Amino acid sequence: MRESTIHPAVAALSFDRPVTPAEVNRKSPAEVFATDAARLAADEFAVAVRLPHDHALWSDRRAPWHDTLTVVEAFRQALVLVRYRYLEVAAGTPSGVQQMEFAVGDPAVFRAAPGEPLECVLIMRVTRSPIGDGLLDIAGACTTPRGHGMTFSAGSVVMPRGVYDEIRAYQRSRKRPGDAGPVAAGRATAGPVDPAAVGRRDPRNVVVGRPAEVSGRYPLVVDRTHPSFFDKSYDHVPGTLLLEAARQSVLLAAAEAGPAAVTRCRLSFATFVELDALCECSVTVERGPRSVTGSVGFHQYGERIAEGELELSRLE
């Protein structure tokens, strides 16, 4: 049987040290997973990443598996790195994800070896969308030493700082203060749920609270000092926090406290989630023999501003 050929540029990728934080829009080196990159074709790229084994957020789990959402963060960093190194987009340029989707083939490839990071290669195709200036279409796959890990796709928009500031000023001007809901010191008034209920150990990594009024709608708990979600300054709730809130909301709605991995996800965003107003995640769940599927929506200012679906599979 003929062995598959590995592109020389992929074989030459280094996992020795992370790239500089600025290249992936981060500040702390501890938050950087990308270690190297190469261009394989005009619109195809390879990025080496190391998934940490001792990260304060992504390793805060009760099961010996690397969190599949860590791979999503690695894809985000890989896209920023590709834009910076190969697409002539300056570091720090504002961007946003309009939709994203991923699927995990076999969660077992992410089983964690004690005390060891997991080295992965992300192969990505990044093309400029024909429907608008600054829009990028991303399609990629994650490969681990144990085999195929994940497929990933997303639509992203990149814009000059001045354009971004104008858009955000317009969006905030249309919000009605009376619809903002209760907020106190940057946090929703509901306190965070028990960490064990959402598969966490550290209370600081809990991002949802118990429903205050409507069953099945979980208020976001937004800590602007969190070292991972807010490693840099944001004028909106970052997407990584929203994805984590969706996961935790599904776990709560399903009363699924055992070890589980997000094995499939689809999310779309109509606008940014503001920091200074209550946001809630609504959930309905369907239970299968070994998985739970949750339909989620994010609600703020009386509007549904994001929606999608997550599948959580039990780990053994």
C-alpha atoms as a PDB file:
ATOM      1  CA  MET A   1       0.000   0.000   0.000  1.00  0.00           C
ATOM      2  CA  ARG A   2       1.391   3.391  -0.992  1.00  0.00           C
ATOM      3  CA  GLU A   3       2.064   5.762   1.915  1.00  0.00           C
ATOM      4  CA  SER A   4       0.474   9.194   1.843  1.00  0.00           C
ATOM      5  CA  THR A   5       2.815  12.017   0.945  1.00  0.00           C
ATOM      6  CA  ILE A   6       3.405  14.774   3.462  1.00  0.00           C
ATOM      7  CA  HIS A   7       4.076  18.196   1.981  1.00  0.00           C
ATOM      8  CA  PRO A   8       7.704  19.181   2.724  1.00  0.00           C
ATOM      9  CA  ALA A   9       6.573  22.473   4.258  1.00  0.00           C
ATOM     10  CA  VAL A  10       4.285  20.592   6.661  1.00  0.00           C
ATOM     11  CA  ALA A  11       7.080  18.202   7.620  1.00  0.00           C
ATOM     12  CA  ALA A  12       9.343  21.187   8.341  1.00  0.00           C
ATOM     13  CA  LEU A  13       6.927  22.885  10.761  1.00  0.00           C
ATOM     14  CA  SER A  14       8.355  23.518  14.220  1.00  0.00           C
ATOM     15  CA  PHE A  15       6.585  23.039  17.537  1.00  0.00           C
ATOM     16  CA  ASP A  16       9.513  24.336  19.612  1.00  0.00           C
ATOM     17  CA  ARG A  17       8.174  27.729  20.687  1.00  0.00           C
ATOM     18  CA  PRO A  18       5.024  29.816  20.267  1.00  0.00           C
ATOM     19  CA  VAL A  19       4.842  32.679  17.806  1.00  0.00           C
ATOM     20  CA  THR A  20       4.787  36.165  19.283  1.00  0.00           C
ATOM     21  CA  PRO A  21       1.481  37.095  20.962  1.00  0.00           C
ATOM     22  CA  ALA A  22       0.968  40.086  18.642  1.00  0.00           C
ATOM     23  CA  GLU A  23       0.867  37.748  15.625  1.00  0.00           C
ATOM     24  CA  VAL A  24      -2.312  36.100  16.955  1.00  0.00           C
ATOM     25  CA  ASN A  25      -3.900  39.149  18.621  1.00  0.00           C
ATOM     26  CA  ARG A  26      -2.937  38.102  22.137  1.00  0.00           C
ATOM     27  CA  LYS A  27      -0.913  39.742  24.906  1.00  0.00           C
ATOM     28  CA  SER A  28       0.193  36.892  27.151  1.00  0.00           C
ATOM     29  CA  PRO A  29       2.533  34.188  25.789  1.00  0.00           C
ATOM     30  CA  ALA A  30       0.571  31.699  27.915  1.00  0.00           C
ATOM     31  CA  GLU A  31      -2.433  32.247  25.625  1.00  0.00           C
ATOM     32  CA  VAL A  32      -0.553  31.479  22.383  1.00  0.00           C
ATOM     33  CA  PHE A  33      -0.945  27.984  20.881  1.00  0.00           C
ATOM     34  CA  ALA A  34       0.368  28.567  17.329  1.00  0.00           C
ATOM     35  CA  THR A  35       4.063  27.757  16.908  1.00  0.00           C
ATOM     36  CA  ASP A  36       4.794  27.936  13.156  1.00  0.00           C
ATOM     37  CA  ALA A  37       3.176  28.407   9.757  1.00  0.00           C
ATOM     38  CA  ALA A  38       3.832  27.710   6.075  1.00  0.00           C
ATOM     39  CA  ARG A  39       2.184  28.574   2.791  1.00  0.00           C
ATOM     40  CA  LEU A  40       1.346  25.477   0.744  1.00  0.00           C
ATOM     41  CA  ALA A  41      -0.430  27.178  -2.187  1.00  0.00           C
ATOM     42  CA  ALA A  42      -1.878  30.569  -3.060  1.00  0.00           C
ATOM     43  CA  ASP A  43      -4.796  30.107  -0.669  1.00  0.00           C
ATOM     44  CA  GLU A  44      -3.708  27.084   1.387  1.00  0.00           C
ATOM     45  CA  PHE A  45      -1.716  27.208   4.626  1.00  0.00           C
ATOM     46  CA  ALA A  46      -0.418  24.927   7.358  1.00  0.00           C
ATOM     47  CA  VAL A  47      -0.150  26.031  10.981  1.00  0.00           C
ATOM     48  CA  ALA A  48       1.488  24.076  13.781  1.00  0.00           C
ATOM     49  CA  VAL A  49      -0.136  24.340  17.224  1.00  0.00           C
ATOM     50  CA  ARG A  50       0.507  22.916  20.673  1.00  0.00           C
ATOM     51  CA  LEU A  51      -2.538  22.313  22.854  1.00  0.00           C
ATOM     52  CA  PRO A  52      -1.445  22.923  26.463  1.00  0.00           C
ATOM     53  CA  HIS A  53      -1.899  20.336  29.199  1.00  0.00           C
ATOM     54  CA  ASP A  54      -1.949  22.806  32.087  1.00  0.00           C
ATOM     55  CA  HIS A  55      -3.868  25.859  30.877  1.00  0.00           C
ATOM     56  CA  ALA A  56      -5.913  27.664  33.531  1.00  0.00           C
ATOM     57  CA  LEU A  57      -9.028  27.688  31.339  1.00  0.00           C
ATOM     58  CA  TRP A  58      -8.757  24.997  28.664  1.00  0.00           C
ATOM     59  CA  SER A  59      -7.254  22.362  30.980  1.00  0.00           C
ATOM     60  CA  ASP A  60      -9.768  23.020  33.762  1.00  0.00           C
ATOM     61  CA  ARG A  61     -11.701  19.816  33.162  1.00  0.00           C
ATOM     62  CA  ARG A  62     -12.530  16.661  35.060  1.00  0.00           C
ATOM     63  CA  ALA A  63     -11.683  14.273  32.209  1.00  0.00           C
ATOM     64  CA  PRO A  64      -8.248  13.358  30.747  1.00  0.00           C
ATOM     65  CA  TRP A  65      -9.021  14.857  27.325  1.00  0.00           C
ATOM     66  CA  HIS A  66      -7.825  17.991  25.592  1.00  0.00           C
ATOM     67  CA  ASP A  67     -10.831  20.263  25.242  1.00  0.00           C
ATOM     68  CA  THR A  68     -12.084  20.294  21.644  1.00  0.00           C
ATOM     69  CA  LEU A  69     -12.871  23.990  22.089  1.00  0.00           C
ATOM     70  CA  THR A  70      -9.119  24.519  22.488  1.00  0.00           C
ATOM     71  CA  VAL A  71      -8.818  23.460  18.850  1.00  0.00           C
ATOM     72  CA  VAL A  72     -11.373  26.106  17.887  1.00  0.00           C
ATOM     73  CA  GLU A  73      -9.231  28.735  19.628  1.00  0.00           C
ATOM     74  CA  ALA A  74      -6.203  27.305  17.778  1.00  0.00           C
ATOM     75  CA  PHE A  75      -8.029  27.762  14.464  1.00  0.00           C
ATOM     76  CA  ARG A  76      -8.809  31.375  15.421  1.00  0.00           C
ATOM     77  CA  GLN A  77      -5.147  32.016  16.151  1.00  0.00           C
ATOM     78  CA  ALA A  78      -4.113  30.264  12.938  1.00  0.00           C
ATOM     79  CA  LEU A  79      -6.389  32.504  10.870  1.00  0.00           C
ATOM     80  CA  VAL A  80      -4.980  35.647  12.477  1.00  0.00           C
ATOM     81  CA  LEU A  81      -1.432  34.388  11.915  1.00  0.00           C
ATOM     82  CA  VAL A  82      -2.140  33.608   8.251  1.00  0.00           C
ATOM     83  CA  ARG A  83      -3.676  37.040   7.705  1.00  0.00           C
ATOM     84  CA  TYR A  84      -0.676  38.710   9.291  1.00  0.00           C
ATOM     85  CA  ARG A  85       2.108  36.713   7.616  1.00  0.00           C
ATOM     86  CA  TYR A  86       0.660  36.015   4.181  1.00  0.00           C
ATOM     87  CA  LEU A  87      -2.366  38.202   3.447  1.00  0.00           C
ATOM     88  CA  GLU A  88      -0.840  41.576   4.394  1.00  0.00           C
ATOM     89  CA  VAL A  89      -3.359  42.296   7.169  1.00  0.00           C
ATOM     90  CA  ALA A  90      -1.695  44.305   9.940  1.00  0.00           C
ATOM     91  CA  ALA A  91      -1.537  42.855  13.452  1.00  0.00           C
ATOM     92  CA  GLY A  92      -4.396  44.080  15.618  1.00  0.00           C
ATOM     93  CA  THR A  93      -6.742  44.744  12.683  1.00  0.00           C
ATOM     94  CA  PRO A  94     -10.379  44.375  13.881  1.00  0.00           C
ATOM     95  CA  SER A  95     -12.268  41.321  12.708  1.00  0.00           C
ATOM     96  CA  GLY A  96     -15.364  39.340  13.518  1.00  0.00           C
ATOM     97  CA  VAL A  97     -16.746  35.871  12.885  1.00  0.00           C
ATOM     98  CA  GLN A  98     -20.160  35.786  11.245  1.00  0.00           C
ATOM     99  CA  GLN A  99     -20.616  32.043  11.316  1.00  0.00           C
ATOM    100  CA  MET A 100     -18.610  28.967  12.237  1.00  0.00           C
ATOM    101  CA  GLU A 101     -19.025  25.209  12.141  1.00  0.00           C
ATOM    102  CA  PHE A 102     -16.917  22.276  13.233  1.00  0.00           C
ATOM    103  CA  ALA A 103     -17.165  18.516  13.662  1.00  0.00           C
ATOM    104  CA  VAL A 104     -14.948  16.086  15.577  1.00  0.00           C
ATOM    105  CA  GLY A 105     -14.274  12.724  13.984  1.00  0.00           C
ATOM    106  CA  ASP A 106     -13.040  10.611  16.898  1.00  0.00           C
ATOM    107  CA  PRO A 107     -12.750  12.331  20.310  1.00  0.00           C
ATOM    108  CA  ALA A 108     -10.208   9.671  21.343  1.00  0.00           C
ATOM    109  CA  VAL A 109      -7.483  11.436  19.340  1.00  0.00           C
ATOM    110  CA  PHE A 110      -7.669  14.238  21.903  1.00  0.00           C
ATOM    111  CA  ARG A 111      -7.060  12.004  24.912  1.00  0.00           C
ATOM    112  CA  ALA A 112      -4.439  13.738  27.048  1.00  0.00           C
ATOM    113  CA  ALA A 113      -1.169  12.072  27.968  1.00  0.00           C
ATOM    114  CA  PRO A 114      -0.279  13.018  31.567  1.00  0.00           C
ATOM    115  CA  GLY A 115       1.823  16.173  31.660  1.00  0.00           C
ATOM    116  CA  GLU A 116       2.187  16.473  27.872  1.00  0.00           C
ATOM    117  CA  PRO A 117       0.816  18.993  25.355  1.00  0.00           C
ATOM    118  CA  LEU A 118      -0.704  17.748  22.105  1.00  0.00           C
ATOM    119  CA  GLU A 119       0.932  18.805  18.841  1.00  0.00           C
ATOM    120  CA  CYS A 120      -1.437  19.294  15.908  1.00  0.00           C
ATOM    121  CA  VAL A 121      -1.256  20.564  12.347  1.00  0.00           C
ATOM    122  CA  LEU A 122      -4.046  22.719  10.961  1.00  0.00           C
ATOM    123  CA  ILE A 123      -4.423  22.788   7.171  1.00  0.00           C
ATOM    124  CA  MET A 124      -6.492  25.797   6.120  1.00  0.00           C
ATOM    125  CA  ARG A 125      -7.841  27.217   2.892  1.00  0.00           C
ATOM    126  CA  VAL A 126      -8.486  30.959   3.216  1.00  0.00           C
ATOM    127  CA  THR A 127     -10.245  32.640   0.297  1.00  0.00           C
ATOM    128  CA  ARG A 128     -11.700  36.080  -0.198  1.00  0.00           C
ATOM    129  CA  SER A 129     -15.480  35.845  -0.367  1.00  0.00           C
ATOM    130  CA  PRO A 130     -17.094  36.989  -3.635  1.00  0.00           C
ATOM    131  CA  ILE A 131     -20.031  38.581  -1.775  1.00  0.00           C
ATOM    132  CA  GLY A 132     -18.204  41.469  -0.106  1.00  0.00           C
ATOM    133  CA  ASP A 133     -14.923  43.285   0.490  1.00  0.00           C
ATOM    134  CA  GLY A 134     -13.068  42.172   3.609  1.00  0.00           C
ATOM    135  CA  LEU A 135     -14.973  38.869   3.876  1.00  0.00           C
ATOM    136  CA  LEU A 136     -12.957  35.678   4.195  1.00  0.00           C
ATOM    137  CA  ASP A 137     -14.117  32.077   3.842  1.00  0.00           C
ATOM    138  CA  ILE A 138     -12.144  29.569   5.916  1.00  0.00           C
ATOM    139  CA  ALA A 139     -12.141  25.787   5.606  1.00  0.00           C
ATOM    140  CA  GLY A 140      -9.705  23.597   7.476  1.00  0.00           C
ATOM    141  CA  ALA A 141      -8.874  20.341   9.190  1.00  0.00           C
ATOM    142  CA  CYS A 142      -6.911  19.430  12.299  1.00  0.00           C
ATOM    143  CA  THR A 143      -4.608  16.414  12.292  1.00  0.00           C
ATOM    144  CA  THR A 144      -3.022  14.933  15.416  1.00  0.00           C
ATOM    145  CA  PRO A 145      -0.369  12.212  15.751  1.00  0.00           C
ATOM    146  CA  ARG A 146      -3.263   9.848  16.497  1.00  0.00           C
ATOM    147  CA  GLY A 147      -5.224  10.761  13.371  1.00  0.00           C
ATOM    148  CA  HIS A 148      -7.859  13.167  12.074  1.00  0.00           C
ATOM    149  CA  GLY A 149      -9.192  15.439  14.795  1.00  0.00           C
ATOM    150  CA  MET A 150     -11.609  18.032  13.450  1.00  0.00           C
ATOM    151  CA  THR A 151     -12.980  19.785  10.394  1.00  0.00           C
ATOM    152  CA  PHE A 152     -13.641  23.503  10.719  1.00  0.00           C
ATOM    153  CA  SER A 153     -15.212  26.229   8.590  1.00  0.00           C
ATOM    154  CA  ALA A 154     -16.053  29.857   9.201  1.00  0.00           C
ATOM    155  CA  GLY A 155     -16.906  33.170   7.624  1.00  0.00           C
ATOM    156  CA  SER A 156     -14.931  36.142   8.909  1.00  0.00           C
ATOM    157  CA  VAL A 157     -14.895  39.855   8.180  1.00  0.00           C
ATOM    158  CA  VAL A 158     -11.803  42.079   8.437  1.00  0.00           C
ATOM    159  CA  MET A 159     -12.122  45.852   8.443  1.00  0.00           C
ATOM    160  CA  PRO A 160      -9.973  48.968   8.961  1.00  0.00           C
ATOM    161  CA  ARG A 161      -9.968  50.371  12.494  1.00  0.00           C
ATOM    162  CA  GLY A 162     -11.852  53.512  11.458  1.00  0.00           C
ATOM    163  CA  VAL A 163     -14.623  51.521   9.777  1.00  0.00           C
ATOM    164  CA  TYR A 164     -14.910  49.221  12.788  1.00  0.00           C
ATOM    165  CA  ASP A 165     -15.195  52.170  15.198  1.00  0.00           C
ATOM    166  CA  GLU A 166     -17.942  53.734  13.074  1.00  0.00           C
ATOM    167  CA  ILE A 167     -19.908  50.490  12.918  1.00  0.00           C
ATOM    168  CA  ARG A 168     -19.638  49.900  16.656  1.00  0.00           C
ATOM    169  CA  ALA A 169     -20.673  53.500  17.453  1.00  0.00           C
ATOM    170  CA  TYR A 170     -23.736  53.102  15.218  1.00  0.00           C
ATOM    171  CA  GLN A 171     -24.651  49.748  16.756  1.00  0.00           C
ATOM    172  CA  ARG A 172     -24.440  51.107  20.297  1.00  0.00           C
ATOM    173  CA  SER A 173     -26.457  54.209  19.388  1.00  0.00           C
ATOM    174  CA  ARG A 174     -29.407  51.989  18.414  1.00  0.00           C
ATOM    175  CA  LYS A 175     -29.545  50.200  21.773  1.00  0.00           C
ATOM    176  CA  ARG A 176     -32.282  51.265  24.163  1.00  0.00           C
ATOM    177  CA  PRO A 177     -31.011  51.584  27.757  1.00  0.00           C
ATOM    178  CA  GLY A 178     -34.363  50.483  29.156  1.00  0.00           C
ATOM    179  CA  ASP A 179     -34.004  47.090  27.469  1.00  0.00           C
ATOM    180  CA  ALA A 180     -30.519  46.416  28.792  1.00  0.00           C
ATOM    181  CA  GLY A 181     -31.582  44.370  31.820  1.00  0.00           C
ATOM    182  CA  PRO A 182     -29.877  44.244  35.232  1.00  0.00           C
ATOM    183  CA  VAL A 183     -26.107  44.551  35.217  1.00  0.00           C
ATOM    184  CA  ALA A 184     -23.775  45.128  38.139  1.00  0.00           C
ATOM    185  CA  ALA A 185     -20.063  45.920  37.933  1.00  0.00           C
ATOM    186  CA  GLY A 186     -19.606  44.230  34.587  1.00  0.00           C
ATOM    187  CA  ARG A 187     -21.439  41.063  35.645  1.00  0.00           C
ATOM    188  CA  ALA A 188     -24.980  39.873  35.196  1.00  0.00           C
ATOM    189  CA  THR A 189     -26.668  40.029  38.600  1.00  0.00           C
ATOM    190  CA  ALA A 190     -27.088  36.251  38.680  1.00  0.00           C
ATOM    191  CA  GLY A 191     -24.117  34.552  40.315  1.00  0.00           C
ATOM    192  CA  PRO A 192     -22.278  31.732  38.545  1.00  0.00           C
ATOM    193  CA  VAL A 193     -23.544  28.176  38.906  1.00  0.00           C
ATOM    194  CA  ASP A 194     -21.577  25.491  40.724  1.00  0.00           C
ATOM    195  CA  PRO A 195     -18.477  24.610  38.647  1.00  0.00           C
ATOM    196  CA  ALA A 196     -19.149  20.862  38.883  1.00  0.00           C
ATOM    197  CA  ALA A 197     -22.501  21.359  37.141  1.00  0.00           C
ATOM    198  CA  VAL A 198     -20.707  22.502  33.969  1.00  0.00           C
ATOM    199  CA  GLY A 199     -17.653  20.239  34.091  1.00  0.00           C
ATOM    200  CA  ARG A 200     -15.318  22.789  35.653  1.00  0.00           C
ATOM    201  CA  ARG A 201     -13.244  22.935  38.834  1.00  0.00           C
ATOM    202  CA  ASP A 202     -12.357  26.638  38.989  1.00  0.00           C
ATOM    203  CA  PRO A 203     -15.367  28.918  39.721  1.00  0.00           C
ATOM    204  CA  ARG A 204     -13.745  31.666  37.670  1.00  0.00           C
ATOM    205  CA  ASN A 205     -14.214  29.612  34.504  1.00  0.00           C
ATOM    206  CA  VAL A 206     -18.001  29.456  34.942  1.00  0.00           C
ATOM    207  CA  VAL A 207     -19.702  31.898  32.552  1.00  0.00           C
ATOM    208  CA  VAL A 208     -23.424  31.253  33.141  1.00  0.00           C
ATOM    209  CA  GLY A 209     -25.812  31.661  36.049  1.00  0.00           C
ATOM    210  CA  ARG A 210     -29.100  30.071  37.065  1.00  0.00           C
ATOM    211  CA  PRO A 211     -32.224  31.349  35.298  1.00  0.00           C
ATOM    212  CA  ALA A 212     -33.724  34.247  37.249  1.00  0.00           C
ATOM    213  CA  GLU A 213     -37.117  34.450  35.547  1.00  0.00           C
ATOM    214  CA  VAL A 214     -37.476  32.288  32.429  1.00  0.00           C
ATOM    215  CA  SER A 215     -36.675  28.577  32.632  1.00  0.00           C
ATOM    216  CA  GLY A 216     -34.120  27.428  30.066  1.00  0.00           C
ATOM    217  CA  ARG A 217     -32.549  30.884  29.636  1.00  0.00           C
ATOM    218  CA  TYR A 218     -29.199  31.203  31.345  1.00  0.00           C
ATOM    219  CA  PRO A 219     -27.719  34.669  32.029  1.00  0.00           C
ATOM    220  CA  LEU A 220     -24.116  35.191  31.015  1.00  0.00           C
ATOM    221  CA  VAL A 221     -21.626  35.895  33.777  1.00  0.00           C
ATOM    222  CA  VAL A 222     -18.975  38.121  32.213  1.00  0.00           C
ATOM    223  CA  ASP A 223     -15.775  38.693  34.182  1.00  0.00           C
ATOM    224  CA  ARG A 224     -13.804  41.332  32.286  1.00  0.00           C
ATOM    225  CA  THR A 225     -10.680  40.487  34.294  1.00  0.00           C
ATOM    226  CA  HIS A 226     -10.592  36.843  33.184  1.00  0.00           C
ATOM    227  CA  PRO A 227      -7.025  36.230  31.955  1.00  0.00           C
ATOM    228  CA  SER A 228      -8.050  34.112  28.945  1.00  0.00           C
ATOM    229  CA  PHE A 229     -11.401  35.437  27.719  1.00  0.00           C
ATOM    230  CA  PHE A 230     -10.139  39.004  28.174  1.00  0.00           C
ATOM    231  CA  ASP A 231      -6.440  38.583  27.467  1.00  0.00           C
ATOM    232  CA  LYS A 232      -6.808  41.772  25.427  1.00  0.00           C
ATOM    233  CA  SER A 233      -9.234  44.686  25.582  1.00  0.00           C
ATOM    234  CA  TYR A 234     -12.645  44.148  23.947  1.00  0.00           C
ATOM    235  CA  ASP A 235     -15.601  46.467  23.424  1.00  0.00           C
ATOM    236  CA  HIS A 236     -17.895  43.416  23.174  1.00  0.00           C
ATOM    237  CA  VAL A 237     -18.232  39.926  24.621  1.00  0.00           C
ATOM    238  CA  PRO A 238     -15.624  37.773  22.819  1.00  0.00           C
ATOM    239  CA  GLY A 239     -16.723  34.796  20.768  1.00  0.00           C
ATOM    240  CA  THR A 240     -14.711  32.335  22.867  1.00  0.00           C
ATOM    241  CA  LEU A 241     -16.795  33.258  25.909  1.00  0.00           C
ATOM    242  CA  LEU A 242     -20.046  32.897  23.947  1.00  0.00           C
ATOM    243  CA  LEU A 243     -19.029  29.440  22.745  1.00  0.00           C
ATOM    244  CA  GLU A 244     -18.195  28.412  26.303  1.00  0.00           C
ATOM    245  CA  ALA A 245     -21.517  29.859  27.510  1.00  0.00           C
ATOM    246  CA  ALA A 246     -23.355  27.794  24.893  1.00  0.00           C
ATOM    247  CA  ARG A 247     -21.597  24.639  26.059  1.00  0.00           C
ATOM    248  CA  GLN A 248     -22.270  25.316  29.734  1.00  0.00           C
ATOM    249  CA  SER A 249     -25.919  26.181  29.051  1.00  0.00           C
ATOM    250  CA  VAL A 250     -26.443  22.880  27.214  1.00  0.00           C
ATOM    251  CA  LEU A 251     -24.818  20.973  30.089  1.00  0.00           C
ATOM    252  CA  LEU A 252     -27.148  22.672  32.568  1.00  0.00           C
ATOM    253  CA  ALA A 253     -30.284  22.195  30.486  1.00  0.00           C
ATOM    254  CA  ALA A 254     -29.482  18.508  30.015  1.00  0.00           C
ATOM    255  CA  ALA A 255     -28.363  18.033  33.631  1.00  0.00           C
ATOM    256  CA  GLU A 256     -25.292  16.398  32.075  1.00  0.00           C
ATOM    257  CA  ALA A 257     -22.551  16.708  34.684  1.00  0.00           C
ATOM    258  CA  GLY A 258     -20.412  13.799  33.460  1.00  0.00           C
ATOM    259  CA  PRO A 259     -17.366  14.175  31.183  1.00  0.00           C
ATOM    260  CA  ALA A 260     -18.435  15.232  27.685  1.00  0.00           C
ATOM    261  CA  ALA A 261     -16.812  16.773  24.612  1.00  0.00           C
ATOM    262  CA  VAL A 262     -18.290  19.175  22.099  1.00  0.00           C
ATOM    263  CA  THR A 263     -18.171  17.029  18.964  1.00  0.00           C
ATOM    264  CA  ARG A 264     -20.267  19.141  16.604  1.00  0.00           C
ATOM    265  CA  CYS A 265     -21.155  22.829  16.535  1.00  0.00           C
ATOM    266  CA  ARG A 266     -22.787  25.402  14.299  1.00  0.00           C
ATOM    267  CA  LEU A 267     -23.097  29.055  15.367  1.00  0.00           C
ATOM    268  CA  SER A 268     -24.039  32.261  13.539  1.00  0.00           C
ATOM    269  CA  PHE A 269     -23.864  35.827  14.835  1.00  0.00           C
ATOM    270  CA  ALA A 270     -26.053  38.726  13.692  1.00  0.00           C
ATOM    271  CA  THR A 271     -24.180  41.382  15.679  1.00  0.00           C
ATOM    272  CA  PHE A 272     -21.784  41.857  18.581  1.00  0.00           C
ATOM    273  CA  VAL A 273     -22.868  41.100  22.157  1.00  0.00           C
ATOM    274  CA  GLU A 274     -22.494  44.232  24.284  1.00  0.00           C
ATOM    275  CA  LEU A 275     -20.610  44.129  27.577  1.00  0.00           C
ATOM    276  CA  ASP A 276     -22.857  46.493  29.535  1.00  0.00           C
ATOM    277  CA  ALA A 277     -26.219  44.741  29.105  1.00  0.00           C
ATOM    278  CA  LEU A 278     -27.704  41.464  30.247  1.00  0.00           C
ATOM    279  CA  CYS A 279     -27.363  38.640  27.722  1.00  0.00           C
ATOM    280  CA  GLU A 280     -29.100  35.278  28.112  1.00  0.00           C
ATOM    281  CA  CYS A 281     -28.562  31.935  26.399  1.00  0.00           C
ATOM    282  CA  SER A 282     -31.744  29.983  25.650  1.00  0.00           C
ATOM    283  CA  VAL A 283     -31.535  26.201  25.253  1.00  0.00           C
ATOM    284  CA  THR A 284     -33.646  23.259  24.180  1.00  0.00           C
ATOM    285  CA  VAL A 285     -32.078  19.799  24.263  1.00  0.00           C
ATOM    286  CA  GLU A 286     -32.554  16.387  22.682  1.00  0.00           C
ATOM    287  CA  ARG A 287     -30.951  13.366  24.331  1.00  0.00           C
ATOM    288  CA  GLY A 288     -29.477  10.460  22.417  1.00  0.00           C
ATOM    289  CA  PRO A 289     -27.958   7.194  23.693  1.00  0.00           C
ATOM    290  CA  ARG A 290     -24.475   8.702  24.041  1.00  0.00           C
ATOM    291  CA  SER A 291     -24.914  12.371  23.211  1.00  0.00           C
ATOM    292  CA  VAL A 292     -26.941  15.493  23.858  1.00  0.00           C
ATOM    293  CA  THR A 293     -27.817  18.008  21.154  1.00  0.00           C
ATOM    294  CA  GLY A 294     -28.710  21.530  22.213  1.00  0.00           C
ATOM    295  CA  SER A 295     -30.274  24.300  20.136  1.00  0.00           C
ATOM    296  CA  VAL A 296     -29.112  27.627  21.548  1.00  0.00           C
ATOM    297  CA  GLY A 297     -29.874  31.299  21.086  1.00  0.00           C
ATOM    298  CA  PHE A 298     -28.352  34.436  22.588  1.00  0.00           C
ATOM    299  CA  HIS A 299     -30.718  37.237  23.544  1.00  0.00           C
ATOM    300  CA  GLN A 300     -29.913  40.863  24.350  1.00  0.00           C
ATOM    301  CA  TYR A 301     -31.925  44.087  24.190  1.00  0.00           C
ATOM    302  CA  GLY A 302     -35.018  42.044  23.420  1.00  0.00           C
ATOM    303  CA  GLU A 303     -33.488  40.565  20.259  1.00  0.00           C
ATOM    304  CA  ARG A 304     -32.115  37.161  19.282  1.00  0.00           C
ATOM    305  CA  ILE A 305     -28.608  38.057  18.169  1.00  0.00           C
ATOM    306  CA  ALA A 306     -26.929  34.669  17.759  1.00  0.00           C
ATOM    307  CA  GLU A 307     -28.043  31.075  17.370  1.00  0.00           C
ATOM    308  CA  GLY A 308     -26.824  27.610  16.643  1.00  0.00           C
ATOM    309  CA  GLU A 309     -26.542  24.005  17.708  1.00  0.00           C
ATOM    310  CA  LEU A 310     -24.051  21.990  19.765  1.00  0.00           C
ATOM    311  CA  GLU A 311     -23.627  18.255  20.145  1.00  0.00           C
ATOM    312  CA  LEU A 312     -21.970  16.972  23.319  1.00  0.00           C
ATOM    313  CA  SER A 313     -20.764  13.366  23.349  1.00  0.00           C
ATOM    314  CA  ARG A 314     -20.020  11.445  26.537  1.00  0.00           C
ATOM    315  CA  LEU A 315     -16.410  10.473  27.116  1.00  0.00           C
ATOM    316  CA  GLU A 316     -15.205   7.184  28.528  1.00  0.00           C
END
